[in-house]
């Protein structure tokens, strides 16, 4: 490996999935302002909206997250059209 091209500030960081409250710890160089204590050890905390523990592709659960009625708006605009043959 080449010397001097990789960051030197790798450290354990806690990532928290906010949709299901699951926390996992991995090494990262990300800067954070929040911390969390896990089993007596304080880690920098990064909050995630979605991770592999809550993403429908990985969990096998097809979950539709509708923000501001976008799906309803699409269905009202395009869903009721019949295919012309």
N, C-alpha and C. Protein backbone atom coordinates (compact mmCIF):
# COMPACT_ATOMS: atom_id res chain seq x y z
N UNK A 1 0.83 -1.17 0.00
CA UNK A 1 0.00 0.00 0.00
C UNK A 1 0.89 1.25 0.00
N UNK A 2 0.49 2.27 -0.73
CA UNK A 2 1.26 3.50 -0.76
C UNK A 2 1.17 4.23 0.58
N UNK A 3 2.24 4.81 0.99
CA UNK A 3 2.28 5.55 2.25
C UNK A 3 1.82 6.99 2.03
N UNK A 4 1.11 7.54 3.01
CA UNK A 4 0.73 8.94 2.98
C UNK A 4 -0.52 9.29 2.19
N UNK A 5 -1.21 8.32 1.59
CA UNK A 5 -2.41 8.64 0.81
C UNK A 5 -3.70 8.31 1.55
N UNK A 6 -3.60 7.56 2.65
CA UNK A 6 -4.78 7.17 3.39
C UNK A 6 -4.93 8.01 4.65
N UNK A 7 -6.17 8.32 5.07
CA UNK A 7 -6.37 9.12 6.28
C UNK A 7 -5.80 8.40 7.51
N UNK A 8 -5.30 9.17 8.42
CA UNK A 8 -4.71 8.57 9.62
C UNK A 8 -5.65 8.63 10.82
N UNK A 9 -6.83 9.22 10.66
CA UNK A 9 -7.73 9.39 11.80
C UNK A 9 -8.87 8.37 11.84
N UNK A 10 -8.62 7.13 11.43
CA UNK A 10 -9.64 6.09 11.56
C UNK A 10 -9.85 5.82 13.04
N UNK A 11 -11.12 5.69 13.42
CA UNK A 11 -11.45 5.39 14.80
C UNK A 11 -12.81 4.71 14.82
N UNK A 12 -13.15 3.99 15.89
CA UNK A 12 -14.49 3.39 15.98
C UNK A 12 -15.56 4.47 16.09
N UNK A 13 -16.61 4.32 15.30
CA UNK A 13 -17.73 5.27 15.28
C UNK A 13 -19.02 4.46 15.35
N UNK A 14 -19.99 4.95 16.14
CA UNK A 14 -21.30 4.29 16.25
C UNK A 14 -22.25 4.91 15.23
N UNK A 15 -22.90 4.06 14.44
CA UNK A 15 -23.91 4.47 13.48
C UNK A 15 -25.26 3.97 14.00
N UNK A 16 -26.24 4.88 14.10
CA UNK A 16 -27.55 4.52 14.64
C UNK A 16 -28.62 4.72 13.57
N UNK A 17 -29.33 3.63 13.28
CA UNK A 17 -30.45 3.67 12.34
C UNK A 17 -31.65 4.22 13.10
N UNK A 18 -32.13 5.39 12.72
CA UNK A 18 -33.20 6.05 13.45
C UNK A 18 -34.57 5.41 13.23
N UNK A 19 -34.72 4.60 12.18
CA UNK A 19 -36.03 3.99 11.94
C UNK A 19 -36.28 2.77 12.82
N UNK A 20 -35.21 2.07 13.25
CA UNK A 20 -35.42 0.91 14.12
C UNK A 20 -34.49 0.90 15.33
N UNK A 21 -33.77 2.01 15.56
CA UNK A 21 -32.92 2.20 16.74
C UNK A 21 -31.75 1.22 16.83
N UNK A 22 -31.41 0.53 15.75
CA UNK A 22 -30.28 -0.39 15.78
C UNK A 22 -28.97 0.40 15.68
N UNK A 23 -27.98 -0.03 16.44
CA UNK A 23 -26.68 0.64 16.47
C UNK A 23 -25.61 -0.36 16.06
N UNK A 24 -24.71 0.08 15.17
CA UNK A 24 -23.56 -0.75 14.86
C UNK A 24 -22.31 0.12 14.88
N UNK A 25 -21.20 -0.50 15.21
CA UNK A 25 -19.94 0.22 15.37
C UNK A 25 -18.97 -0.26 14.30
N UNK A 26 -18.37 0.70 13.62
CA UNK A 26 -17.36 0.39 12.61
C UNK A 26 -16.35 1.53 12.61
N UNK A 27 -15.26 1.32 11.92
CA UNK A 27 -14.24 2.35 11.87
C UNK A 27 -14.56 3.34 10.75
N UNK A 28 -14.33 4.63 11.05
CA UNK A 28 -14.63 5.67 10.07
C UNK A 28 -13.79 6.90 10.37
N UNK A 29 -13.75 7.81 9.41
CA UNK A 29 -13.08 9.10 9.59
C UNK A 29 -14.08 10.24 9.66
N UNK A 30 -15.36 9.95 9.69
CA UNK A 30 -16.40 10.98 9.66
C UNK A 30 -16.33 11.85 10.92
N UNK A 31 -16.57 13.15 10.75
CA UNK A 31 -16.60 14.07 11.87
C UNK A 31 -18.04 14.20 12.38
N UNK A 32 -18.21 14.11 13.70
CA UNK A 32 -19.53 14.22 14.30
C UNK A 32 -19.48 15.16 15.50
N UNK A 33 -20.65 15.68 15.86
CA UNK A 33 -20.75 16.53 17.04
C UNK A 33 -21.38 15.79 18.22
N UNK A 34 -22.08 14.68 17.92
CA UNK A 34 -22.76 13.93 18.97
C UNK A 34 -21.95 12.71 19.36
N UNK A 35 -22.17 12.25 20.60
CA UNK A 35 -21.52 11.03 21.08
C UNK A 35 -22.56 10.15 21.74
N UNK A 36 -22.23 8.88 21.90
CA UNK A 36 -23.10 7.93 22.58
C UNK A 36 -22.21 7.00 23.40
N UNK A 37 -22.73 6.57 24.55
CA UNK A 37 -21.98 5.65 25.39
C UNK A 37 -22.58 4.26 25.25
N UNK A 38 -21.74 3.30 24.89
CA UNK A 38 -22.16 1.91 24.72
C UNK A 38 -21.22 1.05 25.55
N UNK A 39 -21.77 0.34 26.52
CA UNK A 39 -21.01 -0.55 27.41
C UNK A 39 -19.83 0.17 28.04
N UNK A 40 -20.04 1.40 28.47
CA UNK A 40 -19.01 2.14 29.17
C UNK A 40 -17.98 2.83 28.28
N UNK A 41 -18.12 2.72 26.96
CA UNK A 41 -17.20 3.35 26.02
C UNK A 41 -17.96 4.43 25.25
N UNK A 42 -17.37 5.61 25.14
CA UNK A 42 -17.99 6.71 24.41
C UNK A 42 -17.51 6.72 22.97
N UNK A 43 -18.47 6.73 22.04
CA UNK A 43 -18.18 6.73 20.61
C UNK A 43 -18.79 7.97 19.96
N UNK A 44 -18.18 8.48 18.89
CA UNK A 44 -18.85 9.50 18.07
C UNK A 44 -20.10 8.86 17.46
N UNK A 45 -21.19 9.62 17.32
CA UNK A 45 -22.46 9.08 16.84
C UNK A 45 -22.85 9.70 15.50
N UNK A 46 -23.22 8.84 14.56
CA UNK A 46 -23.76 9.27 13.26
C UNK A 46 -25.16 8.69 13.16
N UNK A 47 -26.16 9.55 12.94
CA UNK A 47 -27.54 9.10 12.82
C UNK A 47 -27.88 8.89 11.35
N UNK A 48 -28.46 7.72 11.05
CA UNK A 48 -28.83 7.35 9.69
C UNK A 48 -30.35 7.25 9.58
N UNK A 49 -30.89 7.63 8.42
CA UNK A 49 -32.33 7.45 8.19
C UNK A 49 -32.65 6.01 7.87
N UNK A 50 -31.75 5.35 7.16
CA UNK A 50 -31.99 3.97 6.74
C UNK A 50 -30.65 3.26 6.62
N UNK A 51 -30.65 1.97 6.96
CA UNK A 51 -29.44 1.17 6.85
C UNK A 51 -29.85 -0.22 6.36
N UNK A 52 -28.89 -1.12 6.29
CA UNK A 52 -29.21 -2.46 5.82
C UNK A 52 -30.16 -3.19 6.77
N UNK A 53 -30.23 -2.77 8.02
CA UNK A 53 -31.14 -3.43 8.97
C UNK A 53 -32.59 -2.98 8.80
N UNK A 54 -32.83 -1.88 8.07
CA UNK A 54 -34.20 -1.42 7.89
C UNK A 54 -34.59 -1.24 6.42
N UNK A 55 -33.66 -1.38 5.50
CA UNK A 55 -33.98 -1.19 4.08
C UNK A 55 -34.78 -2.38 3.57
N UNK A 56 -35.87 -2.13 2.86
CA UNK A 56 -36.73 -3.22 2.38
C UNK A 56 -36.00 -4.24 1.51
N UNK A 57 -35.00 -3.85 0.77
CA UNK A 57 -34.28 -4.81 -0.07
C UNK A 57 -33.58 -5.86 0.79
N UNK A 58 -33.02 -5.45 1.91
CA UNK A 58 -32.28 -6.39 2.76
C UNK A 58 -33.19 -7.12 3.74
N UNK A 59 -34.28 -6.51 4.14
CA UNK A 59 -35.17 -7.14 5.12
C UNK A 59 -36.21 -8.03 4.46
N UNK A 60 -36.48 -7.82 3.18
CA UNK A 60 -37.48 -8.60 2.48
C UNK A 60 -38.89 -8.09 2.68
N UNK A 61 -39.03 -7.00 3.40
CA UNK A 61 -40.35 -6.42 3.64
C UNK A 61 -40.53 -5.24 2.70
N UNK A 62 -41.52 -5.34 1.84
CA UNK A 62 -41.80 -4.24 0.91
C UNK A 62 -42.59 -3.19 1.67
N UNK A 63 -41.95 -2.11 1.96
CA UNK A 63 -42.58 -1.05 2.74
C UNK A 63 -42.56 0.22 1.89
N UNK A 64 -43.70 0.83 1.74
CA UNK A 64 -43.80 2.04 0.93
C UNK A 64 -43.80 3.25 1.86
N UNK A 65 -42.79 4.07 1.72
CA UNK A 65 -42.70 5.28 2.52
C UNK A 65 -43.18 6.42 1.65
N UNK A 66 -44.31 6.98 2.00
CA UNK A 66 -44.91 8.05 1.22
C UNK A 66 -44.66 9.37 1.92
N UNK A 67 -43.93 10.25 1.27
CA UNK A 67 -43.69 11.56 1.85
C UNK A 67 -44.50 12.59 1.08
N UNK A 68 -45.32 13.28 1.78
CA UNK A 68 -46.14 14.37 1.24
C UNK A 68 -47.09 13.92 0.13
N UNK A 69 -47.59 12.69 0.21
CA UNK A 69 -48.59 12.23 -0.74
C UNK A 69 -48.11 12.05 -2.16
N UNK A 70 -46.83 11.81 -2.36
CA UNK A 70 -46.29 11.69 -3.71
C UNK A 70 -46.87 10.50 -4.46
N UNK A 71 -47.06 9.39 -3.76
CA UNK A 71 -47.60 8.21 -4.41
C UNK A 71 -49.04 8.46 -4.83
N UNK A 72 -49.83 9.06 -3.95
CA UNK A 72 -51.22 9.37 -4.29
C UNK A 72 -51.30 10.34 -5.47
N UNK A 73 -50.42 11.31 -5.48
CA UNK A 73 -50.39 12.27 -6.58
C UNK A 73 -50.05 11.58 -7.89
N UNK A 74 -49.08 10.66 -7.85
CA UNK A 74 -48.70 9.92 -9.05
C UNK A 74 -49.86 9.05 -9.53
N UNK A 75 -50.49 8.33 -8.59
CA UNK A 75 -51.58 7.44 -8.97
C UNK A 75 -52.77 8.22 -9.53
N UNK A 76 -53.05 9.38 -8.98
CA UNK A 76 -54.17 10.16 -9.51
C UNK A 76 -53.84 10.71 -10.90
N UNK A 77 -52.59 10.96 -11.13
CA UNK A 77 -52.19 11.53 -12.42
C UNK A 77 -52.02 10.45 -13.49
N UNK A 78 -51.37 9.33 -13.16
CA UNK A 78 -51.03 8.34 -14.16
C UNK A 78 -51.61 6.94 -13.91
N UNK A 79 -52.04 6.65 -12.71
CA UNK A 79 -52.45 5.29 -12.34
C UNK A 79 -53.73 4.82 -12.99
N UNK A 80 -54.63 5.71 -13.31
CA UNK A 80 -55.93 5.31 -13.82
C UNK A 80 -56.01 5.30 -15.34
N UNK A 81 -54.92 5.58 -16.00
CA UNK A 81 -54.96 5.58 -17.46
C UNK A 81 -54.98 4.17 -18.00
N UNK A 82 -55.83 3.98 -19.00
CA UNK A 82 -55.89 2.66 -19.65
C UNK A 82 -54.95 2.64 -20.82
N UNK A 83 -54.40 1.52 -21.06
CA UNK A 83 -53.46 1.35 -22.15
C UNK A 83 -54.21 1.36 -23.48
N UNK A 84 -53.81 2.19 -24.38
CA UNK A 84 -54.48 2.22 -25.69
C UNK A 84 -53.84 1.18 -26.60
N UNK A 85 -54.67 0.37 -27.19
CA UNK A 85 -54.15 -0.69 -28.05
C UNK A 85 -54.57 -0.51 -29.47
